[in-house]
Amino acid sequence: MAGKVNHEYHILEPDIWPFIGSVSALTFFSGLVLYMHEMANAWLVLGIGAMGLIATFFTWFANIVKEAERGDHTPVVQLHMRYGMILFIASEVMFFVGWFWGFFDFALFPSEISEVVGGIFPPAAIEAVIDPFGLPLLNTLILLCSGTTVTWAHHSLIHGDREGLKNGLWLTILLGALFTVIQIYEYAHAPFEFGGNTYSSAFYMATGFHGVHVLIGTIFLIVCLVRTYKGHFTPRQHFGFEAAAWYWHFVDVVWLFLFVTVYIWGGWGAATH
């Protein structure tokens, strides 16, 4: 019969938003380049790119949600979307490997860049480092607790407990927001500034990008919470929530590595603040 679907795959209809998203991303990063070179109209180009990206996020993701709600995400499609999320997280792992690589290179071989760090690490210019057993330890406990609450939400969803799902998401979002607030406070009172030496540059780039990922993960979970209140997600079909939970666990694991290597090991022997 003409037009009858006899397979489990979802054939996407033509859509303009991938093109708009690509052009917006190019515009946004062009604006960043202009800003870094202090060129005219940098903020205008940045703003246009940012607005295009935000519009793409809202519209394209809304289309994906509509596809899921009308049943286009069959078990085969969900499986392939999981493969895609796994590959995305793998790429994010390699992103952080680069920052860890740089930090270890500076820390393990300070004599090779003695003209920069004075042959020691942390460099002599760093009079004190952040006490790892103060705010960083508190943030570690907060993220570990948030991993527990998002797992509770996932478990509740699988067993049809909508209230448990909502409560778990609320707690995870609040813990993520608390982590961000504490890290901003930590940066504001840090005994060293960004740049100027290898330790501070590597520290802020590694922990700062992790903070951005926490913020993105929090937004991800907020979207899941809104969808939950709209009646979305079922025990058998909830890839959107599952992807958010995977991403949040990834953020947790990266922080544990940061806490042990950057905060504790990386500042070993230096005065603390």
Foldseek 3Di string as FASTA:
>chain_A
DPPDDDDLAFDDDDDCLVVLLVVLVVQLVVLVVCVVVVHPCSVVSNVSSVVSNVVSCVVVVVVVLVCVVVPSCGVVNLVVVVVVLVVVLVVVVVVLVVLVVLLCVCAVAVVVVCVFQVSHAPRPVQQAFAQLPPLVVVLLVLLVVLLVLLVQLLVCQLVVNLVSVLVSLVSNLVSLVVSLVSVVVCQVPTSDHDDPGSLNVSLCVNVVVLNVLSVVLSVLSVVVNVVSVVVDGHSVDDSSSVSSSVSSVSSSVSSVVCSCVNNDVRCPPHHHD
